[in-house]
Amino acid sequence: MNENILKAEAVEKLSFEDALKELENIVESLESGQVSLDDAISAFERGTLLKTHCQKRLEEAQMRIEKIKVPASGEPPERVEPFHSTVDVDE
């Protein structure tokens, strides 16, 4: 199996919070300027995967929120439709 596919699959298993924390650490290391060019390129590639994963998870959360329909009266909704994620992540 392609190494990039394995890396992407590993990122997909991360929680949003863990992916965001790792992305923050990558940004800090790149901003410090204390990494070699090869390490910076690898970190950038990993950061791109993490950013895409975080964005996808945020979009899914937004879709879930939009499924909750709150009446104008402020009463609890009569029904809430179940959300079926397209991501199979163990949380």
PDB file of N, CA and C in Angstrom:
ATOM      1  N   MET A   1       0.848  -1.183   0.000  1.00  0.00           N
ATOM      2  CA  MET A   1       0.000   0.000   0.000  1.00  0.00           C
ATOM      3  C   MET A   1       0.892   1.244   0.000  1.00  0.00           C
ATOM      4  N   ASN A   2       0.469   2.271  -0.662  1.00  0.00           N
ATOM      5  CA  ASN A   2       1.207   3.521  -0.784  1.00  0.00           C
ATOM      6  C   ASN A   2       1.403   4.169   0.594  1.00  0.00           C
ATOM      7  N   GLU A   3       2.603   4.667   0.844  1.00  0.00           N
ATOM      8  CA  GLU A   3       2.922   5.288   2.137  1.00  0.00           C
ATOM      9  C   GLU A   3       2.028   6.493   2.417  1.00  0.00           C
ATOM     10  N   ASN A   4       1.714   7.285   1.387  1.00  0.00           N
ATOM     11  CA  ASN A   4       0.839   8.446   1.576  1.00  0.00           C
ATOM     12  C   ASN A   4      -0.565   8.041   1.989  1.00  0.00           C
ATOM     13  N   ILE A   5      -1.051   6.933   1.445  1.00  0.00           N
ATOM     14  CA  ILE A   5      -2.384   6.440   1.823  1.00  0.00           C
ATOM     15  C   ILE A   5      -2.377   6.009   3.280  1.00  0.00           C
ATOM     16  N   LEU A   6      -1.319   5.338   3.703  1.00  0.00           N
ATOM     17  CA  LEU A   6      -1.209   4.918   5.100  1.00  0.00           C
ATOM     18  C   LEU A   6      -1.177   6.120   6.034  1.00  0.00           C
ATOM     19  N   LYS A   7      -0.453   7.163   5.647  1.00  0.00           N
ATOM     20  CA  LYS A   7      -0.385   8.370   6.466  1.00  0.00           C
ATOM     21  C   LYS A   7      -1.757   9.030   6.558  1.00  0.00           C
ATOM     22  N   ALA A   8      -2.476   9.096   5.444  1.00  0.00           N
ATOM     23  CA  ALA A   8      -3.811   9.706   5.429  1.00  0.00           C
ATOM     24  C   ALA A   8      -4.774   8.900   6.292  1.00  0.00           C
ATOM     25  N   GLU A   9      -4.686   7.579   6.230  1.00  0.00           N
ATOM     26  CA  GLU A   9      -5.551   6.733   7.046  1.00  0.00           C
ATOM     27  C   GLU A   9      -5.256   6.928   8.531  1.00  0.00           C
ATOM     28  N   ALA A  10      -3.983   7.091   8.881  1.00  0.00           N
ATOM     29  CA  ALA A  10      -3.619   7.319  10.278  1.00  0.00           C
ATOM     30  C   ALA A  10      -4.193   8.644  10.775  1.00  0.00           C
ATOM     31  N   VAL A  11      -4.171   9.667   9.942  1.00  0.00           N
ATOM     32  CA  VAL A  11      -4.720  10.973  10.314  1.00  0.00           C
ATOM     33  C   VAL A  11      -6.228  10.868  10.517  1.00  0.00           C
ATOM     34  N   GLU A  12      -6.911  10.107   9.666  1.00  0.00           N
ATOM     35  CA  GLU A  12      -8.362   9.952   9.761  1.00  0.00           C
ATOM     36  C   GLU A  12      -8.795   9.357  11.099  1.00  0.00           C
ATOM     37  N   LYS A  13      -7.910   8.617  11.741  1.00  0.00           N
ATOM     38  CA  LYS A  13      -8.242   7.993  13.023  1.00  0.00           C
ATOM     39  C   LYS A  13      -8.087   8.949  14.203  1.00  0.00           C
ATOM     40  N   LEU A  14      -7.476  10.107  13.974  1.00  0.00           N
ATOM     41  CA  LEU A  14      -7.274  11.077  15.058  1.00  0.00           C
ATOM     42  C   LEU A  14      -8.563  11.820  15.374  1.00  0.00           C
ATOM     43  N   SER A  15      -8.733  12.144  16.641  1.00  0.00           N
ATOM     44  CA  SER A  15      -9.850  13.014  17.005  1.00  0.00           C
ATOM     45  C   SER A  15      -9.536  14.419  16.498  1.00  0.00           C
ATOM     46  N   PHE A  16     -10.545  15.243  16.408  1.00  0.00           N
ATOM     47  CA  PHE A  16     -10.348  16.626  15.980  1.00  0.00           C
ATOM     48  C   PHE A  16      -9.334  17.314  16.891  1.00  0.00           C
ATOM     49  N   GLU A  17      -9.506  17.138  18.194  1.00  0.00           N
ATOM     50  CA  GLU A  17      -8.636  17.804  19.163  1.00  0.00           C
ATOM     51  C   GLU A  17      -7.179  17.365  19.035  1.00  0.00           C
ATOM     52  N   ASP A  18      -6.964  16.066  18.856  1.00  0.00           N
ATOM     53  CA  ASP A  18      -5.591  15.560  18.707  1.00  0.00           C
ATOM     54  C   ASP A  18      -4.954  16.052  17.404  1.00  0.00           C
ATOM     55  N   ALA A  19      -5.737  16.066  16.346  1.00  0.00           N
ATOM     56  CA  ALA A  19      -5.215  16.546  15.059  1.00  0.00           C
ATOM     57  C   ALA A  19      -4.876  18.027  15.137  1.00  0.00           C
ATOM     58  N   LEU A  20      -5.737  18.808  15.776  1.00  0.00           N
ATOM     59  CA  LEU A  20      -5.492  20.242  15.904  1.00  0.00           C
ATOM     60  C   LEU A  20      -4.252  20.508  16.749  1.00  0.00           C
ATOM     61  N   LYS A  21      -4.078  19.776  17.830  1.00  0.00           N
ATOM     62  CA  LYS A  21      -2.904  19.943  18.691  1.00  0.00           C
ATOM     63  C   LYS A  21      -1.623  19.612  17.920  1.00  0.00           C
ATOM     64  N   GLU A  22      -1.644  18.531  17.161  1.00  0.00           N
ATOM     65  CA  GLU A  22      -0.471  18.159  16.364  1.00  0.00           C
ATOM     66  C   GLU A  22      -0.184  19.227  15.314  1.00  0.00           C
ATOM     67  N   LEU A  23      -1.232  19.746  14.694  1.00  0.00           N
ATOM     68  CA  LEU A  23      -1.066  20.804  13.699  1.00  0.00           C
ATOM     69  C   LEU A  23      -0.455  22.053  14.336  1.00  0.00           C
ATOM     70  N   GLU A  24      -0.908  22.409  15.527  1.00  0.00           N
ATOM     71  CA  GLU A  24      -0.332  23.559  16.237  1.00  0.00           C
ATOM     72  C   GLU A  24       1.150  23.345  16.529  1.00  0.00           C
ATOM     73  N   ASN A  25       1.503  22.126  16.924  1.00  0.00           N
ATOM     74  CA  ASN A  25       2.912  21.811  17.198  1.00  0.00           C
ATOM     75  C   ASN A  25       3.767  21.920  15.935  1.00  0.00           C
ATOM     76  N   ILE A  26       3.215  21.479  14.815  1.00  0.00           N
ATOM     77  CA  ILE A  26       3.944  21.580  13.544  1.00  0.00           C
ATOM     78  C   ILE A  26       4.175  23.037  13.185  1.00  0.00           C
ATOM     79  N   VAL A  27       3.146  23.852  13.327  1.00  0.00           N
ATOM     80  CA  VAL A  27       3.274  25.277  13.013  1.00  0.00           C
ATOM     81  C   VAL A  27       4.341  25.923  13.896  1.00  0.00           C
ATOM     82  N   GLU A  28       4.319  25.619  15.181  1.00  0.00           N
ATOM     83  CA  GLU A  28       5.323  26.172  16.097  1.00  0.00           C
ATOM     84  C   GLU A  28       6.734  25.770  15.684  1.00  0.00           C
ATOM     85  N   SER A  29       6.915  24.494  15.319  1.00  0.00           N
ATOM     86  CA  SER A  29       8.262  24.040  14.941  1.00  0.00           C
ATOM     87  C   SER A  29       8.714  24.706  13.648  1.00  0.00           C
ATOM     88  N   LEU A  30       7.799  24.868  12.699  1.00  0.00           N
ATOM     89  CA  LEU A  30       8.173  25.525  11.445  1.00  0.00           C
ATOM     90  C   LEU A  30       8.474  27.008  11.669  1.00  0.00           C
ATOM     91  N   GLU A  31       7.694  27.651  12.524  1.00  0.00           N
ATOM     92  CA  GLU A  31       7.928  29.068  12.799  1.00  0.00           C
ATOM     93  C   GLU A  31       9.241  29.306  13.528  1.00  0.00           C
ATOM     94  N   SER A  32       9.701  28.315  14.275  1.00  0.00           N
ATOM     95  CA  SER A  32      10.952  28.479  15.024  1.00  0.00           C
ATOM     96  C   SER A  32      12.160  28.532  14.095  1.00  0.00           C
ATOM     97  N   GLY A  33      12.009  27.938  12.910  1.00  0.00           N
ATOM     98  CA  GLY A  33      13.112  27.937  11.957  1.00  0.00           C
ATOM     99  C   GLY A  33      14.239  26.994  12.327  1.00  0.00           C
ATOM    100  N   GLN A  34      14.000  26.117  13.288  1.00  0.00           N
ATOM    101  CA  GLN A  34      15.039  25.213  13.768  1.00  0.00           C
ATOM    102  C   GLN A  34      14.938  23.816  13.159  1.00  0.00           C
ATOM    103  N   VAL A  35      14.261  23.692  12.021  1.00  0.00           N
ATOM    104  CA  VAL A  35      14.124  22.395  11.365  1.00  0.00           C
ATOM    105  C   VAL A  35      14.848  22.418  10.029  1.00  0.00           C
ATOM    106  N   SER A  36      15.361  21.255   9.665  1.00  0.00           N
ATOM    107  CA  SER A  36      16.036  21.147   8.370  1.00  0.00           C
ATOM    108  C   SER A  36      15.003  21.267   7.249  1.00  0.00           C
ATOM    109  N   LEU A  37      15.481  21.490   6.059  1.00  0.00           N
ATOM    110  CA  LEU A  37      14.586  21.623   4.915  1.00  0.00           C
ATOM    111  C   LEU A  37      13.761  20.350   4.711  1.00  0.00           C
ATOM    112  N   ASP A  38      14.410  19.196   4.782  1.00  0.00           N
ATOM    113  CA  ASP A  38      13.683  17.930   4.604  1.00  0.00           C
ATOM    114  C   ASP A  38      12.626  17.733   5.682  1.00  0.00           C
ATOM    115  N   ASP A  39      12.977  18.054   6.923  1.00  0.00           N
ATOM    116  CA  ASP A  39      12.008  17.934   8.016  1.00  0.00           C
ATOM    117  C   ASP A  39      10.871  18.937   7.848  1.00  0.00           C
ATOM    118  N   ALA A  40      11.188  20.125   7.366  1.00  0.00           N
ATOM    119  CA  ALA A  40      10.157  21.140   7.141  1.00  0.00           C
ATOM    120  C   ALA A  40       9.184  20.684   6.061  1.00  0.00           C
ATOM    121  N   ILE A  41       9.694  20.070   5.013  1.00  0.00           N
ATOM    122  CA  ILE A  41       8.832  19.574   3.935  1.00  0.00           C
ATOM    123  C   ILE A  41       7.932  18.456   4.455  1.00  0.00           C
ATOM    124  N   SER A  42       8.500  17.534   5.221  1.00  0.00           N
ATOM    125  CA  SER A  42       7.704  16.445   5.801  1.00  0.00           C
ATOM    126  C   SER A  42       6.643  16.989   6.749  1.00  0.00           C
ATOM    127  N   ALA A  43       7.023  17.965   7.555  1.00  0.00           N
ATOM    128  CA  ALA A  43       6.077  18.570   8.489  1.00  0.00           C
ATOM    129  C   ALA A  43       4.958  19.291   7.742  1.00  0.00           C
ATOM    130  N   PHE A  44       5.313  19.962   6.658  1.00  0.00           N
ATOM    131  CA  PHE A  44       4.307  20.657   5.855  1.00  0.00           C
ATOM    132  C   PHE A  44       3.319  19.660   5.255  1.00  0.00           C
ATOM    133  N   GLU A  45       3.838  18.536   4.744  1.00  0.00           N
ATOM    134  CA  GLU A  45       2.964  17.504   4.179  1.00  0.00           C
ATOM    135  C   GLU A  45       2.014  16.952   5.238  1.00  0.00           C
ATOM    136  N   ARG A  46       2.558  16.664   6.417  1.00  0.00           N
ATOM    137  CA  ARG A  46       1.727  16.150   7.521  1.00  0.00           C
ATOM    138  C   ARG A  46       0.710  17.214   7.943  1.00  0.00           C
ATOM    139  N   GLY A  47       1.149  18.447   8.018  1.00  0.00           N
ATOM    140  CA  GLY A  47       0.254  19.531   8.397  1.00  0.00           C
ATOM    141  C   GLY A  47      -0.897  19.699   7.421  1.00  0.00           C
ATOM    142  N   THR A  48      -0.622  19.501   6.147  1.00  0.00           N
ATOM    143  CA  THR A  48      -1.668  19.590   5.133  1.00  0.00           C
ATOM    144  C   THR A  48      -2.726  18.507   5.347  1.00  0.00           C
ATOM    145  N   LEU A  49      -2.279  17.291   5.647  1.00  0.00           N
ATOM    146  CA  LEU A  49      -3.216  16.205   5.943  1.00  0.00           C
ATOM    147  C   LEU A  49      -4.047  16.528   7.181  1.00  0.00           C
ATOM    148  N   LEU A  50      -3.390  17.042   8.217  1.00  0.00           N
ATOM    149  CA  LEU A  50      -4.085  17.373   9.463  1.00  0.00           C
ATOM    150  C   LEU A  50      -5.096  18.492   9.256  1.00  0.00           C
ATOM    151  N   LYS A  51      -4.722  19.499   8.494  1.00  0.00           N
ATOM    152  CA  LYS A  51      -5.622  20.631   8.222  1.00  0.00           C
ATOM    153  C   LYS A  51      -6.863  20.161   7.482  1.00  0.00           C
ATOM    154  N   THR A  52      -6.673  19.302   6.489  1.00  0.00           N
ATOM    155  CA  THR A  52      -7.797  18.764   5.727  1.00  0.00           C
ATOM    156  C   THR A  52      -8.720  17.950   6.635  1.00  0.00           C
ATOM    157  N   HIS A  53      -8.135  17.150   7.504  1.00  0.00           N
ATOM    158  CA  HIS A  53      -8.911  16.335   8.440  1.00  0.00           C
ATOM    159  C   HIS A  53      -9.724  17.223   9.383  1.00  0.00           C
ATOM    160  N   CYS A  54      -9.084  18.238   9.943  1.00  0.00           N
ATOM    161  CA  CYS A  54      -9.784  19.141  10.868  1.00  0.00           C
ATOM    162  C   CYS A  54     -10.925  19.867  10.159  1.00  0.00           C
ATOM    163  N   GLN A  55     -10.671  20.320   8.958  1.00  0.00           N
ATOM    164  CA  GLN A  55     -11.703  21.027   8.197  1.00  0.00           C
ATOM    165  C   GLN A  55     -12.892  20.099   7.919  1.00  0.00           C
ATOM    166  N   LYS A  56     -12.606  18.871   7.566  1.00  0.00           N
ATOM    167  CA  LYS A  56     -13.663  17.894   7.294  1.00  0.00           C
ATOM    168  C   LYS A  56     -14.501  17.644   8.539  1.00  0.00           C
ATOM    169  N   ARG A  57     -13.842  17.494   9.677  1.00  0.00           N
ATOM    170  CA  ARG A  57     -14.560  17.252  10.932  1.00  0.00           C
ATOM    171  C   ARG A  57     -15.420  18.455  11.316  1.00  0.00           C
ATOM    172  N   LEU A  58     -14.922  19.663  11.089  1.00  0.00           N
ATOM    173  CA  LEU A  58     -15.713  20.861  11.381  1.00  0.00           C
ATOM    174  C   LEU A  58     -16.934  20.944  10.473  1.00  0.00           C
ATOM    175  N   GLU A  59     -16.765  20.615   9.208  1.00  0.00           N
ATOM    176  CA  GLU A  59     -17.893  20.632   8.276  1.00  0.00           C
ATOM    177  C   GLU A  59     -18.945  19.605   8.675  1.00  0.00           C
ATOM    178  N   GLU A  60     -18.514  18.434   9.140  1.00  0.00           N
ATOM    179  CA  GLU A  60     -19.453  17.424   9.607  1.00  0.00           C
ATOM    180  C   GLU A  60     -20.205  17.901  10.841  1.00  0.00           C
ATOM    181  N   ALA A  61     -19.501  18.557  11.739  1.00  0.00           N
ATOM    182  CA  ALA A  61     -20.158  19.091  12.940  1.00  0.00           C
ATOM    183  C   ALA A  61     -21.189  20.146  12.553  1.00  0.00           C
ATOM    184  N   GLN A  62     -20.859  20.980  11.587  1.00  0.00           N
ATOM    185  CA  GLN A  62     -21.795  22.002  11.131  1.00  0.00           C
ATOM    186  C   GLN A  62     -23.045  21.351  10.534  1.00  0.00           C
ATOM    187  N   MET A  63     -22.867  20.292   9.761  1.00  0.00           N
ATOM    188  CA  MET A  63     -24.016  19.593   9.181  1.00  0.00           C
ATOM    189  C   MET A  63     -24.900  19.011  10.279  1.00  0.00           C
ATOM    190  N   ARG A  64     -24.292  18.484  11.324  1.00  0.00           N
ATOM    191  CA  ARG A  64     -25.063  17.923  12.440  1.00  0.00           C
ATOM    192  C   ARG A  64     -25.867  19.018  13.125  1.00  0.00           C
ATOM    193  N   ILE A  65     -25.251  20.159  13.327  1.00  0.00           N
ATOM    194  CA  ILE A  65     -25.931  21.277  13.978  1.00  0.00           C
ATOM    195  C   ILE A  65     -27.098  21.763  13.132  1.00  0.00           C
ATOM    196  N   GLU A  66     -26.888  21.832  11.823  1.00  0.00           N
ATOM    197  CA  GLU A  66     -27.940  22.299  10.925  1.00  0.00           C
ATOM    198  C   GLU A  66     -29.133  21.352  10.885  1.00  0.00           C
ATOM    199  N   LYS A  67     -28.928  20.094  11.237  1.00  0.00           N
ATOM    200  CA  LYS A  67     -30.038  19.137  11.263  1.00  0.00           C
ATOM    201  C   LYS A  67     -30.953  19.351  12.459  1.00  0.00           C
ATOM    202  N   ILE A  68     -30.486  20.060  13.461  1.00  0.00           N
ATOM    203  CA  ILE A  68     -31.314  20.351  14.628  1.00  0.00           C
ATOM    204  C   ILE A  68     -32.136  21.582  14.295  1.00  0.00           C
ATOM    205  N   LYS A  69     -33.418  21.399  14.197  1.00  0.00           N
ATOM    206  CA  LYS A  69     -34.292  22.497  13.819  1.00  0.00           C
ATOM    207  C   LYS A  69     -34.992  23.016  15.064  1.00  0.00           C
ATOM    208  N   VAL A  70     -34.667  24.229  15.461  1.00  0.00           N
ATOM    209  CA  VAL A  70     -35.268  24.838  16.631  1.00  0.00           C
ATOM    210  C   VAL A  70     -36.398  25.753  16.168  1.00  0.00           C
ATOM    211  N   PRO A  71     -37.616  25.510  16.661  1.00  0.00           N
ATOM    212  CA  PRO A  71     -38.736  26.367  16.282  1.00  0.00           C
ATOM    213  C   PRO A  71     -38.521  27.814  16.726  1.00  0.00           C
ATOM    214  N   ALA A  72     -39.157  28.742  16.017  1.00  0.00           N
ATOM    215  CA  ALA A  72     -39.042  30.167  16.334  1.00  0.00           C
ATOM    216  C   ALA A  72     -39.503  30.469  17.746  1.00  0.00           C
ATOM    217  N   SER A  73     -40.398  29.651  18.301  1.00  0.00           N
ATOM    218  CA  SER A  73     -40.916  29.883  19.652  1.00  0.00           C
ATOM    219  C   SER A  73     -39.870  29.611  20.726  1.00  0.00           C
ATOM    220  N   GLY A  74     -38.792  28.964  20.347  1.00  0.00           N
ATOM    221  CA  GLY A  74     -37.752  28.641  21.327  1.00  0.00           C
ATOM    222  C   GLY A  74     -37.994  27.316  22.032  1.00  0.00           C
ATOM    223  N   GLU A  75     -39.103  26.664  21.702  1.00  0.00           N
ATOM    224  CA  GLU A  75     -39.424  25.359  22.277  1.00  0.00           C
ATOM    225  C   GLU A  75     -38.417  24.320  21.774  1.00  0.00           C
ATOM    226  N   PRO A  76     -38.296  23.215  22.476  1.00  0.00           N
ATOM    227  CA  PRO A  76     -37.427  22.144  21.965  1.00  0.00           C
ATOM    228  C   PRO A  76     -37.962  21.641  20.629  1.00  0.00           C
ATOM    229  N   PRO A  77     -37.100  21.182  19.759  1.00  0.00           N
ATOM    230  CA  PRO A  77     -37.561  20.678  18.465  1.00  0.00           C
ATOM    231  C   PRO A  77     -38.451  19.452  18.651  1.00  0.00           C
ATOM    232  N   GLU A  78     -39.421  19.301  17.747  1.00  0.00           N
ATOM    233  CA  GLU A  78     -40.312  18.146  17.804  1.00  0.00           C
ATOM    234  C   GLU A  78     -39.555  16.869  17.467  1.00  0.00           C
ATOM    235  N   ARG A  79     -38.598  16.990  16.586  1.00  0.00           N
ATOM    236  CA  ARG A  79     -37.811  15.817  16.206  1.00  0.00           C
ATOM    237  C   ARG A  79     -36.405  16.266  15.811  1.00  0.00           C
ATOM    238  N   VAL A  80     -35.486  15.351  15.914  1.00  0.00           N
ATOM    239  CA  VAL A  80     -34.116  15.573  15.475  1.00  0.00           C
ATOM    240  C   VAL A  80     -33.751  14.406  14.590  1.00  0.00           C
ATOM    241  N   GLU A  81     -33.300  14.713  13.393  1.00  0.00           N
ATOM    242  CA  GLU A  81     -32.913  13.656  12.464  1.00  0.00           C
ATOM    243  C   GLU A  81     -31.535  13.131  12.840  1.00  0.00           C
ATOM    244  N   PRO A  82     -31.352  11.827  12.788  1.00  0.00           N
ATOM    245  CA  PRO A  82     -30.021  11.280  13.080  1.00  0.00           C
ATOM    246  C   PRO A  82     -29.035  11.694  11.998  1.00  0.00           C
ATOM    247  N   PHE A  83     -27.814  11.894  12.403  1.00  0.00           N
ATOM    248  CA  PHE A  83     -26.749  12.251  11.469  1.00  0.00           C
ATOM    249  C   PHE A  83     -25.889  11.013  11.255  1.00  0.00           C
ATOM    250  N   HIS A  84     -25.637  10.707  10.009  1.00  0.00           N
ATOM    251  CA  HIS A  84     -24.785   9.571   9.682  1.00  0.00           C
ATOM    252  C   HIS A  84     -23.497  10.098   9.091  1.00  0.00           C
ATOM    253  N   SER A  85     -22.428   9.999   9.863  1.00  0.00           N
ATOM    254  CA  SER A  85     -21.127  10.496   9.429  1.00  0.00           C
ATOM    255  C   SER A  85     -20.603   9.675   8.265  1.00  0.00           C
ATOM    256  N   THR A  86     -19.890  10.360   7.390  1.00  0.00           N
ATOM    257  CA  THR A  86     -19.235   9.661   6.285  1.00  0.00           C
ATOM    258  C   THR A  86     -17.849   9.196   6.697  1.00  0.00           C
ATOM    259  N   VAL A  87     -17.445   9.555   7.908  1.00  0.00           N
ATOM    260  CA  VAL A  87     -16.130   9.183   8.406  1.00  0.00           C
ATOM    261  C   VAL A  87     -16.295   8.076   9.435  1.00  0.00           C
ATOM    262  N   ASP A  88     -15.552   7.016   9.300  1.00  0.00           N
ATOM    263  CA  ASP A  88     -15.578   5.929  10.237  1.00  0.00           C
ATOM    264  C   ASP A  88     -14.391   6.096  11.175  1.00  0.00           C
ATOM    265  N   VAL A  89     -14.641   6.775  12.310  1.00  0.00           N
ATOM    266  CA  VAL A  89     -13.570   7.089  13.248  1.00  0.00           C
ATOM    267  C   VAL A  89     -13.937   6.538  14.612  1.00  0.00           C
ATOM    268  N   ASP A  90     -13.027   5.849  15.241  1.00  0.00           N
ATOM    269  CA  ASP A  90     -13.243   5.366  16.605  1.00  0.00           C
ATOM    270  C   ASP A  90     -12.982   6.513  17.559  1.00  0.00           C
ATOM    271  N   GLU A  91     -14.017   6.906  18.288  1.00  0.00           N
ATOM    272  CA  GLU A  91     -13.849   8.007  19.243  1.00  0.00           C
ATOM    273  C   GLU A  91     -14.131   7.542  20.632  1.00  0.00           C
TER     274      GLU A  91
END
